[in-house]
Amino acid sequence: MTCIDCHRLVRVVSAGRCSMCHRRWKRFHAPPNATCRHCGRAYFDQESNSKKQTLCSRKCLHAWRIGRDPRNELIADRPHPVVDEAGKVVLECEHCGRPFRVSPYEIAKRMPRFCSLQCNGARKAVSRALLECEYCREVFRIRPKELLRIPGRFCSRGCYEQARRENRLPREARRSEAYESFRQDHVSRVGRCARCGSSERLRLHHRVRSRERPDLLFDLDNVEVLCSACHMRIHRRLGHLNVPGQAS
């Protein structure tokens, strides 16, 4: 059998139409049993139910979703843009000022601010600073915010790794059992972090590093009980984690 609307060959027809064409025909020709919540038009809804929202078309669905929360209720303090005949919302680019069209679901997720990737990238464009690499002494360009990072002092990752390798402090010998007993006794006797007062995950911190002064390994005036977070914070502030000149 052939559908009288789309002319497809189907096995079953209703009033000479396939199931898809029959539902479309019935929506506009059958007696109305529902009212659209957006435009107020009376239409026939085959799955009409009082617990569901009733919308007559996809255009009304797009317009109805704008400015609604996860419970599908209108948000009072949010502006509700107007949807055109194609179901799109017209916005203005914040960079170039040209109008552009987006779908309503894009506004529901996140309000678009730029018309293209070029405008989005142009607003992020900043002038580069000239810097001299501390290892090879070549001048290179860098963003100002990258100057706050330690690798920003080097033109490449290779120079950074090479400088760290050459300035690495010598690896100390494995600590003896006497030091382990000394560390456990001192930590158990103090029992709290000297900075935050925590009693969990305690470490023994040397004010003067044992790699620089091995003779102060057992000096009580040179040690301090810290938790792991404070211990890591101090070494990071002193630059022992990533500065090539003092890297561990």
Protein backbone atom coordinates (compact mmCIF):
# COMPACT_ATOMS: atom_id res chain seq x y z
CA MET A 1 0.00 0.00 0.00
CA THR A 2 1.09 3.56 -0.75
CA CYS A 3 0.67 6.58 1.54
CA ILE A 4 -1.34 9.34 -0.14
CA ASP A 5 0.86 12.07 1.44
CA CYS A 6 4.47 10.86 1.34
CA HIS A 7 3.92 8.14 -1.32
CA ARG A 8 5.90 5.53 0.57
CA LEU A 9 5.20 1.84 0.42
CA VAL A 10 3.96 0.70 3.84
CA ARG A 11 2.20 -2.37 5.19
CA VAL A 12 -0.50 -0.59 7.20
CA VAL A 13 -2.32 2.66 6.43
CA SER A 14 -4.88 4.68 8.36
CA ALA A 15 -7.27 6.75 6.22
CA GLY A 16 -4.86 6.16 3.31
CA ARG A 17 -1.84 7.50 5.24
CA CYS A 18 1.13 5.94 6.98
CA SER A 19 1.45 6.21 10.74
CA MET A 20 3.70 9.30 10.62
CA CYS A 21 1.55 11.19 8.12
CA HIS A 22 -1.61 10.15 9.92
CA ARG A 23 -0.37 11.60 13.23
CA ARG A 24 0.55 14.83 11.44
CA TRP A 25 -2.83 14.98 9.71
CA LYS A 26 -4.72 14.19 12.89
CA ARG A 27 -2.96 16.98 14.79
CA PHE A 28 -4.53 19.62 12.52
CA HIS A 29 -7.81 17.93 11.45
CA ALA A 30 -9.01 15.91 14.44
CA PRO A 31 -11.21 17.57 17.11
CA PRO A 32 -8.98 19.49 19.58
CA ASN A 33 -8.48 17.95 22.99
CA ALA A 34 -5.62 20.11 24.35
CA THR A 35 -4.54 23.73 24.57
CA CYS A 36 -0.97 24.89 23.96
CA ARG A 37 0.53 26.38 27.10
CA HIS A 38 2.65 28.81 25.09
CA CYS A 39 0.51 30.23 22.28
CA GLY A 40 -2.94 29.20 23.58
CA ARG A 41 -3.99 27.41 20.35
CA ALA A 42 -6.39 24.47 20.64
CA TYR A 43 -5.06 21.33 18.94
CA PHE A 44 -5.36 17.55 19.00
CA ASP A 45 -2.81 15.72 21.14
CA GLN A 46 -2.79 11.95 20.82
CA GLU A 47 -0.89 11.57 24.11
CA SER A 48 -2.71 14.32 25.99
CA ASN A 49 -2.31 14.00 29.74
CA SER A 50 -2.96 16.53 32.48
CA LYS A 51 0.39 15.69 34.13
CA LYS A 52 2.41 16.60 31.01
CA GLN A 53 3.02 19.99 29.47
CA THR A 54 0.93 20.47 26.31
CA LEU A 55 2.66 22.30 23.47
CA CYS A 56 1.40 22.34 19.92
CA SER A 57 4.70 22.48 18.01
CA ARG A 58 8.46 22.33 18.33
CA LYS A 59 8.61 26.11 17.91
CA CYS A 60 6.45 26.60 21.00
CA LEU A 61 8.55 24.02 22.84
CA HIS A 62 11.74 25.99 22.11
CA ALA A 63 10.15 29.24 23.21
CA TRP A 64 8.70 27.63 26.34
CA ARG A 65 12.06 26.23 27.49
CA ILE A 66 13.86 29.60 27.53
CA GLY A 67 14.40 30.96 31.01
CA ARG A 68 13.14 27.87 32.84
CA ASP A 69 14.70 25.99 35.73
CA PRO A 70 15.12 22.16 35.93
CA ARG A 71 11.51 21.95 37.15
CA ASN A 72 10.33 23.71 33.96
CA GLU A 73 9.18 26.79 35.88
CA LEU A 74 9.85 30.30 34.62
CA ILE A 75 12.74 32.09 36.32
CA ALA A 76 11.43 35.51 37.29
CA ASP A 77 14.73 37.42 37.35
CA ARG A 78 15.98 36.08 33.99
CA PRO A 79 15.14 37.86 30.72
CA HIS A 80 13.23 35.77 28.23
CA PRO A 81 14.42 36.52 24.67
CA VAL A 82 12.01 36.49 21.76
CA VAL A 83 12.07 33.51 19.38
CA ASP A 84 11.71 34.24 15.67
CA GLU A 85 9.70 32.25 13.12
CA ALA A 86 12.56 29.75 12.69
CA GLY A 87 12.73 28.98 16.41
CA LYS A 88 16.00 30.91 16.89
CA VAL A 89 16.99 33.65 19.29
CA VAL A 90 18.85 36.71 17.98
CA LEU A 91 21.75 37.89 20.19
CA GLU A 92 24.46 40.52 19.80
CA CYS A 93 28.14 39.58 19.78
CA GLU A 94 30.04 41.20 22.65
CA HIS A 95 33.19 41.62 20.54
CA CYS A 96 32.13 42.75 17.06
CA GLY A 97 28.55 43.79 17.85
CA ARG A 98 27.04 41.83 14.95
CA PRO A 99 23.76 39.93 15.53
CA PHE A 100 23.83 36.15 15.45
CA ARG A 101 21.23 33.44 15.94
CA VAL A 102 21.35 30.56 18.39
CA SER A 103 18.99 27.79 19.39
CA PRO A 104 17.02 28.12 22.63
CA TYR A 105 18.66 25.05 24.17
CA GLU A 106 22.06 26.79 23.90
CA ILE A 107 20.72 29.63 26.04
CA ALA A 108 19.35 27.15 28.55
CA LYS A 109 22.81 25.59 28.97
CA ARG A 110 24.95 28.74 28.79
CA MET A 111 24.29 32.16 27.36
CA PRO A 112 26.43 32.55 24.17
CA ARG A 113 28.44 35.77 24.13
CA PHE A 114 30.30 35.67 20.79
CA CYS A 115 29.21 34.98 17.24
CA SER A 116 32.24 32.87 16.23
CA LEU A 117 35.43 31.27 17.42
CA GLN A 118 37.39 34.15 15.88
CA CYS A 119 35.59 36.72 18.07
CA ASN A 120 36.04 34.54 21.12
CA GLY A 121 39.75 34.24 20.40
CA ALA A 122 40.16 37.93 19.59
CA ARG A 123 38.86 39.03 22.97
CA LYS A 124 41.51 36.81 24.61
CA ALA A 125 44.35 38.24 22.51
CA VAL A 126 46.89 40.02 24.69
CA SER A 127 50.30 41.46 23.96
CA ARG A 128 53.25 39.13 24.55
CA ALA A 129 56.19 39.98 26.79
CA LEU A 130 59.81 39.49 25.70
CA LEU A 131 61.85 37.33 28.07
CA GLU A 132 65.36 35.89 28.02
CA CYS A 133 65.69 32.17 28.67
CA GLU A 134 67.70 31.52 31.82
CA TYR A 135 69.40 28.49 30.28
CA CYS A 136 70.14 29.17 26.59
CA ARG A 137 69.84 33.00 26.79
CA GLU A 138 67.58 33.22 23.75
CA VAL A 139 64.81 35.85 23.69
CA PHE A 140 61.27 34.44 23.40
CA ARG A 141 57.70 35.74 23.64
CA ILE A 142 55.37 34.76 26.46
CA ARG A 143 51.96 35.72 27.84
CA PRO A 144 52.13 37.89 30.97
CA LYS A 145 50.15 35.39 33.08
CA GLU A 146 52.70 32.65 32.30
CA LEU A 147 55.41 34.71 33.99
CA LEU A 148 53.97 33.60 37.33
CA ARG A 149 54.88 30.00 36.60
CA ILE A 150 58.39 28.65 37.09
CA PRO A 151 58.66 27.06 33.60
CA GLY A 152 57.83 30.49 32.16
CA ARG A 153 61.44 31.48 32.78
CA PHE A 154 62.59 29.07 30.07
CA CYS A 155 61.89 29.11 26.35
CA SER A 156 61.06 25.40 26.14
CA ARG A 157 60.46 22.32 28.19
CA GLY A 158 63.86 21.00 27.11
CA CYS A 159 65.70 23.99 28.59
CA TYR A 160 63.69 23.68 31.79
CA GLU A 161 64.50 19.97 32.18
CA GLN A 162 68.17 20.51 31.34
CA ALA A 163 68.52 23.35 33.86
CA ARG A 164 66.81 21.26 36.52
CA ARG A 165 69.05 18.29 35.74
CA GLU A 166 72.27 20.31 35.97
CA ASN A 167 71.29 22.14 39.18
CA ARG A 168 69.80 19.16 40.98
CA LEU A 169 71.22 18.64 44.44
CA PRO A 170 73.10 15.38 45.03
CA ARG A 171 70.94 12.50 46.18
CA GLU A 172 71.51 11.67 49.82
CA ALA A 173 72.27 8.22 51.12
CA ARG A 174 69.55 6.02 52.52
CA ARG A 175 68.72 7.02 56.08
CA SER A 176 69.62 4.56 58.78
CA GLU A 177 67.42 2.79 61.30
CA ALA A 178 68.75 5.16 63.97
CA TYR A 179 67.17 8.09 62.14
CA GLU A 180 63.86 6.23 61.79
CA SER A 181 63.81 5.64 65.56
CA PHE A 182 64.71 9.29 66.17
CA ARG A 183 61.94 10.48 63.81
CA GLN A 184 59.24 8.24 65.30
CA ASP A 185 60.15 9.15 68.87
CA HIS A 186 60.13 12.89 68.20
CA VAL A 187 56.87 12.79 66.23
CA SER A 188 55.09 10.69 68.89
CA ARG A 189 56.39 12.98 71.65
CA VAL A 190 55.18 16.19 69.98
CA GLY A 191 52.01 14.67 68.50
CA ARG A 192 50.74 17.80 66.69
CA CYS A 193 51.59 19.94 63.69
CA ALA A 194 53.47 23.06 64.66
CA ARG A 195 51.57 25.15 62.07
CA CYS A 196 47.93 24.00 62.03
CA GLY A 197 47.71 21.76 65.11
CA SER A 198 46.61 18.66 63.20
CA SER A 199 47.45 15.22 64.58
CA GLU A 200 47.14 13.25 61.32
CA ARG A 201 49.82 12.30 58.78
CA LEU A 202 52.69 13.93 60.68
CA ARG A 203 56.12 14.43 59.13
CA LEU A 204 59.52 15.54 60.42
CA HIS A 205 60.64 18.70 58.61
CA HIS A 206 64.27 19.92 58.57
CA ARG A 207 64.57 23.70 58.50
CA VAL A 208 68.01 23.37 56.87
CA ARG A 209 67.79 20.56 54.35
CA SER A 210 69.70 17.41 55.14
CA ARG A 211 71.11 17.39 51.60
CA GLU A 212 72.79 20.71 52.32
CA ARG A 213 73.79 19.98 55.93
CA PRO A 214 73.91 16.22 56.67
CA ASP A 215 75.49 16.97 60.05
CA LEU A 216 72.19 18.56 61.24
CA LEU A 217 70.12 15.46 60.59
CA PHE A 218 69.66 14.68 64.31
CA ASP A 219 69.72 18.28 65.58
CA LEU A 220 66.53 19.02 67.56
CA ASP A 221 66.83 22.75 66.84
CA ASN A 222 66.71 22.01 63.10
CA VAL A 223 63.63 19.77 63.05
CA GLU A 224 59.94 20.60 63.20
CA VAL A 225 56.86 18.36 63.29
CA LEU A 226 54.43 19.18 60.48
CA CYS A 227 51.46 17.51 58.86
CA SER A 228 51.82 16.43 55.24
CA ALA A 229 49.83 19.43 53.92
CA CYS A 230 51.91 22.02 55.80
CA HIS A 231 55.10 20.15 54.93
CA MET A 232 54.30 20.26 51.22
CA ARG A 233 53.20 23.90 51.46
CA ILE A 234 56.51 24.97 53.00
CA HIS A 235 58.60 23.13 50.39
CA ARG A 236 56.47 24.61 47.61
CA ARG A 237 56.89 28.13 49.00
CA LEU A 238 60.64 27.65 49.30
CA GLY A 239 60.76 26.38 45.72
CA HIS A 240 62.10 22.91 46.51
CA LEU A 241 59.56 21.22 44.24
CA ASN A 242 60.11 22.89 40.89
CA VAL A 243 62.89 25.53 40.95
CA PRO A 244 65.91 24.06 39.15
CA GLY A 245 68.44 25.72 41.47
CA GLN A 246 66.97 24.03 44.56
CA ALA A 247 65.10 21.03 43.15
CA SER A 248 65.08 17.87 45.24
